[in-house]
Amino acid sequence: MWNQDKVKEVIQSDKVVIFGKGSRFEPMCGFTAKAIRIMDQYLADYTVVNIFDDENIRPSLVAVSGWPTTPQLFINGELIGGSDIMEELAKTGELKNKLTAAKAL
């Protein structure tokens, strides 16, 4: 069962995590699909947590991050933002820099 501690554990233990609607290979919303497409350009392996897998994931995630919407990208425990922010960071090269700094690339 998901709670705030489990959300924190996943965020801290995995270098790159996207919390979104659906799975990596079956996203269930356009924003999650966009976030996954962006991350797929950089990494072959990263974590995607489907917030629909447990009714407690989303409220626990929001309590931890303070961010009300999904998807949410975390790199090395830091909330980066959603798909629009990811897109902007990808355009400027900052997303690649963050992934490199996290030793995820």
N, C-alpha and C. Protein backbone atom coordinates (compact mmCIF):
# COMPACT_ATOMS: atom_id res chain seq x y z
N MET A 1 0.84 -1.19 0.00
CA MET A 1 0.00 0.00 0.00
C MET A 1 0.88 1.25 0.00
N TRP A 2 0.50 2.20 -0.81
CA TRP A 2 1.28 3.42 -0.96
C TRP A 2 0.94 4.43 0.14
N ASN A 3 1.96 5.11 0.62
CA ASN A 3 1.80 6.22 1.55
C ASN A 3 2.94 7.20 1.28
N GLN A 4 3.03 8.26 2.06
CA GLN A 4 4.06 9.26 1.82
C GLN A 4 5.47 8.68 1.94
N ASP A 5 5.67 7.78 2.88
CA ASP A 5 6.99 7.17 3.05
C ASP A 5 7.40 6.37 1.82
N LYS A 6 6.45 5.64 1.24
CA LYS A 6 6.78 4.85 0.05
C LYS A 6 7.08 5.77 -1.14
N VAL A 7 6.33 6.86 -1.28
CA VAL A 7 6.61 7.83 -2.34
C VAL A 7 8.02 8.37 -2.17
N LYS A 8 8.37 8.78 -0.95
CA LYS A 8 9.71 9.30 -0.67
C LYS A 8 10.78 8.26 -0.97
N GLU A 9 10.51 7.02 -0.60
CA GLU A 9 11.47 5.93 -0.83
C GLU A 9 11.75 5.77 -2.34
N VAL A 10 10.70 5.75 -3.15
CA VAL A 10 10.87 5.60 -4.60
C VAL A 10 11.61 6.80 -5.18
N ILE A 11 11.24 7.99 -4.75
CA ILE A 11 11.88 9.21 -5.24
C ILE A 11 13.37 9.21 -4.91
N GLN A 12 13.71 8.75 -3.72
CA GLN A 12 15.11 8.76 -3.29
C GLN A 12 15.92 7.59 -3.85
N SER A 13 15.28 6.45 -4.07
CA SER A 13 16.04 5.26 -4.47
C SER A 13 16.25 5.16 -5.98
N ASP A 14 15.38 5.75 -6.77
CA ASP A 14 15.50 5.68 -8.22
C ASP A 14 15.97 7.04 -8.75
N LYS A 15 16.99 7.03 -9.60
CA LYS A 15 17.55 8.29 -10.11
C LYS A 15 16.52 9.12 -10.88
N VAL A 16 15.70 8.44 -11.69
CA VAL A 16 14.72 9.13 -12.52
C VAL A 16 13.37 8.44 -12.36
N VAL A 17 12.37 9.21 -11.94
CA VAL A 17 11.03 8.67 -11.70
C VAL A 17 9.99 9.61 -12.30
N ILE A 18 9.06 9.05 -13.02
CA ILE A 18 7.89 9.79 -13.47
C ILE A 18 6.67 9.16 -12.81
N PHE A 19 5.91 9.97 -12.09
CA PHE A 19 4.61 9.55 -11.58
C PHE A 19 3.60 10.07 -12.58
N GLY A 20 2.81 9.17 -13.16
CA GLY A 20 1.85 9.59 -14.17
C GLY A 20 0.66 8.67 -14.25
N LYS A 21 -0.17 8.96 -15.22
CA LYS A 21 -1.37 8.17 -15.45
C LYS A 21 -1.06 7.10 -16.49
N GLY A 22 -1.01 5.86 -16.04
CA GLY A 22 -0.70 4.75 -16.92
C GLY A 22 0.75 4.30 -16.76
N SER A 23 1.13 3.34 -17.58
CA SER A 23 2.48 2.79 -17.51
C SER A 23 3.35 3.39 -18.61
N ARG A 24 4.62 3.04 -18.58
CA ARG A 24 5.53 3.56 -19.59
C ARG A 24 5.09 3.16 -20.99
N PHE A 25 4.59 1.96 -21.13
CA PHE A 25 4.23 1.46 -22.46
C PHE A 25 2.75 1.62 -22.77
N GLU A 26 1.96 2.02 -21.77
CA GLU A 26 0.54 2.29 -21.98
C GLU A 26 0.12 3.53 -21.19
N PRO A 27 0.61 4.70 -21.59
CA PRO A 27 0.19 5.92 -20.89
C PRO A 27 -1.31 6.15 -21.09
N MET A 28 -1.96 6.69 -20.06
CA MET A 28 -3.40 6.88 -20.11
C MET A 28 -3.81 8.34 -20.19
N CYS A 29 -2.86 9.22 -20.48
CA CYS A 29 -3.21 10.62 -20.73
C CYS A 29 -2.13 11.23 -21.61
N GLY A 30 -2.49 12.25 -22.32
CA GLY A 30 -1.57 12.89 -23.26
C GLY A 30 -0.35 13.50 -22.59
N PHE A 31 -0.52 14.06 -21.39
CA PHE A 31 0.60 14.68 -20.71
C PHE A 31 1.62 13.64 -20.24
N THR A 32 1.12 12.51 -19.74
CA THR A 32 2.02 11.43 -19.34
C THR A 32 2.72 10.86 -20.56
N ALA A 33 2.00 10.69 -21.65
CA ALA A 33 2.61 10.19 -22.89
C ALA A 33 3.73 11.13 -23.35
N LYS A 34 3.48 12.43 -23.26
CA LYS A 34 4.48 13.42 -23.66
C LYS A 34 5.72 13.32 -22.77
N ALA A 35 5.51 13.19 -21.46
CA ALA A 35 6.64 13.09 -20.52
C ALA A 35 7.47 11.85 -20.84
N ILE A 36 6.81 10.75 -21.12
CA ILE A 36 7.52 9.50 -21.44
C ILE A 36 8.26 9.63 -22.76
N ARG A 37 7.64 10.22 -23.76
CA ARG A 37 8.33 10.43 -25.06
C ARG A 37 9.60 11.25 -24.87
N ILE A 38 9.50 12.29 -24.06
CA ILE A 38 10.68 13.14 -23.82
C ILE A 38 11.77 12.33 -23.12
N MET A 39 11.41 11.62 -22.07
CA MET A 39 12.42 10.88 -21.31
C MET A 39 13.01 9.74 -22.14
N ASP A 40 12.21 9.13 -23.00
CA ASP A 40 12.71 8.05 -23.86
C ASP A 40 13.81 8.53 -24.80
N GLN A 41 13.86 9.82 -25.09
CA GLN A 41 14.93 10.37 -25.93
C GLN A 41 16.28 10.31 -25.23
N TYR A 42 16.26 10.23 -23.90
CA TYR A 42 17.49 10.28 -23.12
C TYR A 42 17.88 8.95 -22.48
N LEU A 43 16.88 8.22 -22.00
CA LEU A 43 17.16 7.03 -21.20
C LEU A 43 16.40 5.81 -21.70
N ALA A 44 17.07 4.68 -21.62
CA ALA A 44 16.41 3.42 -21.93
C ALA A 44 15.72 2.85 -20.70
N ASP A 45 16.23 3.22 -19.53
CA ASP A 45 15.71 2.64 -18.29
C ASP A 45 15.47 3.74 -17.26
N TYR A 46 14.24 3.83 -16.81
CA TYR A 46 13.85 4.73 -15.73
C TYR A 46 12.53 4.22 -15.18
N THR A 47 12.12 4.77 -14.06
CA THR A 47 10.92 4.29 -13.38
C THR A 47 9.70 5.13 -13.75
N VAL A 48 8.60 4.45 -14.04
CA VAL A 48 7.31 5.12 -14.21
C VAL A 48 6.35 4.48 -13.21
N VAL A 49 5.76 5.31 -12.36
CA VAL A 49 4.79 4.84 -11.38
C VAL A 49 3.40 5.25 -11.87
N ASN A 50 2.54 4.27 -12.05
CA ASN A 50 1.17 4.51 -12.48
C ASN A 50 0.34 4.90 -11.26
N ILE A 51 -0.13 6.14 -11.23
CA ILE A 51 -0.89 6.60 -10.06
C ILE A 51 -2.23 5.89 -9.92
N PHE A 52 -2.66 5.17 -10.96
CA PHE A 52 -3.91 4.43 -10.90
C PHE A 52 -3.74 3.04 -10.25
N ASP A 53 -2.50 2.64 -9.98
CA ASP A 53 -2.27 1.31 -9.40
C ASP A 53 -2.74 1.20 -7.96
N ASP A 54 -2.83 2.32 -7.26
CA ASP A 54 -3.26 2.33 -5.86
C ASP A 54 -3.89 3.69 -5.59
N GLU A 55 -5.06 3.71 -5.00
CA GLU A 55 -5.77 4.98 -4.78
C GLU A 55 -5.02 5.92 -3.85
N ASN A 56 -4.03 5.41 -3.12
CA ASN A 56 -3.28 6.24 -2.18
C ASN A 56 -2.06 6.92 -2.81
N ILE A 57 -1.68 6.52 -4.02
CA ILE A 57 -0.46 7.09 -4.62
C ILE A 57 -0.62 8.59 -4.84
N ARG A 58 -1.67 9.00 -5.53
CA ARG A 58 -1.80 10.41 -5.88
C ARG A 58 -1.85 11.32 -4.66
N PRO A 59 -2.71 11.06 -3.67
CA PRO A 59 -2.71 11.97 -2.51
C PRO A 59 -1.38 11.95 -1.75
N SER A 60 -0.73 10.81 -1.70
CA SER A 60 0.58 10.73 -1.03
C SER A 60 1.62 11.51 -1.81
N LEU A 61 1.59 11.40 -3.13
CA LEU A 61 2.52 12.13 -3.99
C LEU A 61 2.33 13.64 -3.82
N VAL A 62 1.09 14.10 -3.87
CA VAL A 62 0.80 15.53 -3.73
C VAL A 62 1.26 16.04 -2.37
N ALA A 63 1.06 15.23 -1.32
CA ALA A 63 1.50 15.63 0.02
C ALA A 63 3.03 15.77 0.08
N VAL A 64 3.74 14.91 -0.61
CA VAL A 64 5.20 14.95 -0.61
C VAL A 64 5.74 16.08 -1.49
N SER A 65 5.19 16.21 -2.69
CA SER A 65 5.75 17.16 -3.66
C SER A 65 5.17 18.57 -3.54
N GLY A 66 3.94 18.67 -3.07
CA GLY A 66 3.27 19.97 -3.06
C GLY A 66 2.80 20.39 -4.45
N TRP A 67 2.88 19.47 -5.41
CA TRP A 67 2.51 19.74 -6.81
C TRP A 67 1.21 18.99 -7.07
N PRO A 68 0.14 19.66 -7.52
CA PRO A 68 -1.17 19.01 -7.58
C PRO A 68 -1.45 18.16 -8.82
N THR A 69 -0.63 18.29 -9.86
CA THR A 69 -0.94 17.61 -11.11
C THR A 69 0.10 16.55 -11.46
N THR A 70 -0.26 15.68 -12.39
CA THR A 70 0.68 14.70 -12.92
C THR A 70 0.72 14.87 -14.43
N PRO A 71 1.78 14.45 -15.05
CA PRO A 71 2.91 13.71 -14.49
C PRO A 71 3.83 14.62 -13.67
N GLN A 72 4.64 13.94 -12.85
CA GLN A 72 5.67 14.61 -12.08
C GLN A 72 6.98 13.87 -12.30
N LEU A 73 8.00 14.60 -12.73
CA LEU A 73 9.33 14.03 -12.94
C LEU A 73 10.22 14.39 -11.76
N PHE A 74 10.90 13.37 -11.24
CA PHE A 74 11.91 13.57 -10.20
C PHE A 74 13.23 13.05 -10.73
N ILE A 75 14.28 13.84 -10.54
CA ILE A 75 15.64 13.41 -10.86
C ILE A 75 16.46 13.54 -9.59
N ASN A 76 17.04 12.42 -9.15
CA ASN A 76 17.82 12.39 -7.91
C ASN A 76 17.07 13.01 -6.74
N GLY A 77 15.78 12.69 -6.64
CA GLY A 77 14.98 13.16 -5.52
C GLY A 77 14.43 14.56 -5.66
N GLU A 78 14.80 15.28 -6.71
CA GLU A 78 14.34 16.65 -6.91
C GLU A 78 13.16 16.68 -7.87
N LEU A 79 12.09 17.36 -7.47
CA LEU A 79 10.95 17.54 -8.37
C LEU A 79 11.36 18.50 -9.47
N ILE A 80 11.26 18.02 -10.71
CA ILE A 80 11.58 18.85 -11.87
C ILE A 80 10.31 19.52 -12.39
N GLY A 81 9.22 18.77 -12.46
CA GLY A 81 7.95 19.34 -12.92
C GLY A 81 7.22 18.38 -13.82
N GLY A 82 6.28 18.92 -14.57
CA GLY A 82 5.45 18.12 -15.46
C GLY A 82 5.96 18.13 -16.88
N SER A 83 5.11 17.68 -17.80
CA SER A 83 5.53 17.49 -19.19
C SER A 83 5.88 18.80 -19.89
N ASP A 84 5.17 19.88 -19.58
CA ASP A 84 5.49 21.16 -20.22
C ASP A 84 6.86 21.67 -19.77
N ILE A 85 7.15 21.54 -18.50
CA ILE A 85 8.46 21.94 -17.98
C ILE A 85 9.55 21.04 -18.56
N MET A 86 9.26 19.75 -18.65
CA MET A 86 10.23 18.83 -19.26
C MET A 86 10.53 19.24 -20.70
N GLU A 87 9.49 19.60 -21.43
CA GLU A 87 9.66 20.00 -22.82
C GLU A 87 10.54 21.25 -22.93
N GLU A 88 10.30 22.23 -22.07
CA GLU A 88 11.11 23.45 -22.08
C GLU A 88 12.56 23.14 -21.72
N LEU A 89 12.77 22.32 -20.69
CA LEU A 89 14.13 21.97 -20.28
C LEU A 89 14.85 21.16 -21.35
N ALA A 90 14.12 20.33 -22.08
CA ALA A 90 14.71 19.56 -23.17
C ALA A 90 15.17 20.50 -24.28
N LYS A 91 14.36 21.51 -24.60
CA LYS A 91 14.71 22.46 -25.66
C LYS A 91 15.97 23.25 -25.33
N THR A 92 16.13 23.61 -24.06
CA THR A 92 17.28 24.44 -23.66
C THR A 92 18.52 23.60 -23.36
N GLY A 93 18.37 22.28 -23.28
CA GLY A 93 19.49 21.42 -22.92
C GLY A 93 19.63 21.19 -21.43
N GLU A 94 18.81 21.87 -20.64
CA GLU A 94 18.90 21.75 -19.19
C GLU A 94 18.48 20.36 -18.69
N LEU A 95 17.54 19.72 -19.37
CA LEU A 95 17.14 18.38 -18.95
C LEU A 95 18.31 17.41 -19.09
N LYS A 96 18.99 17.49 -20.20
CA LYS A 96 20.18 16.64 -20.39
C LYS A 96 21.23 16.94 -19.32
N ASN A 97 21.42 18.21 -19.00
CA ASN A 97 22.38 18.59 -17.96
C ASN A 97 22.00 18.00 -16.61
N LYS A 98 20.71 18.06 -16.28
CA LYS A 98 20.25 17.50 -15.00
C LYS A 98 20.45 15.99 -14.96
N LEU A 99 20.16 15.32 -16.06
CA LEU A 99 20.34 13.87 -16.12
C LEU A 99 21.82 13.50 -16.04
N THR A 100 22.66 14.29 -16.69
CA THR A 100 24.11 14.05 -16.64
C THR A 100 24.63 14.26 -15.22
N ALA A 101 24.21 15.34 -14.58
CA ALA A 101 24.64 15.64 -13.22
C ALA A 101 24.20 14.54 -12.25
N ALA A 102 23.06 13.93 -12.52
CA ALA A 102 22.53 12.85 -11.67
C ALA A 102 23.17 11.51 -11.98
N LYS A 103 24.07 11.52 -12.98
CA LYS A 103 24.71 10.28 -13.45
C LYS A 103 23.69 9.27 -13.96
N ALA A 104 22.62 9.79 -14.55
CA ALA A 104 21.58 8.93 -15.11
C ALA A 104 21.87 8.60 -16.57
N LEU A 105 22.66 9.46 -17.22
CA LEU A 105 23.00 9.22 -18.63
C LEU A 105 24.25 8.37 -18.74
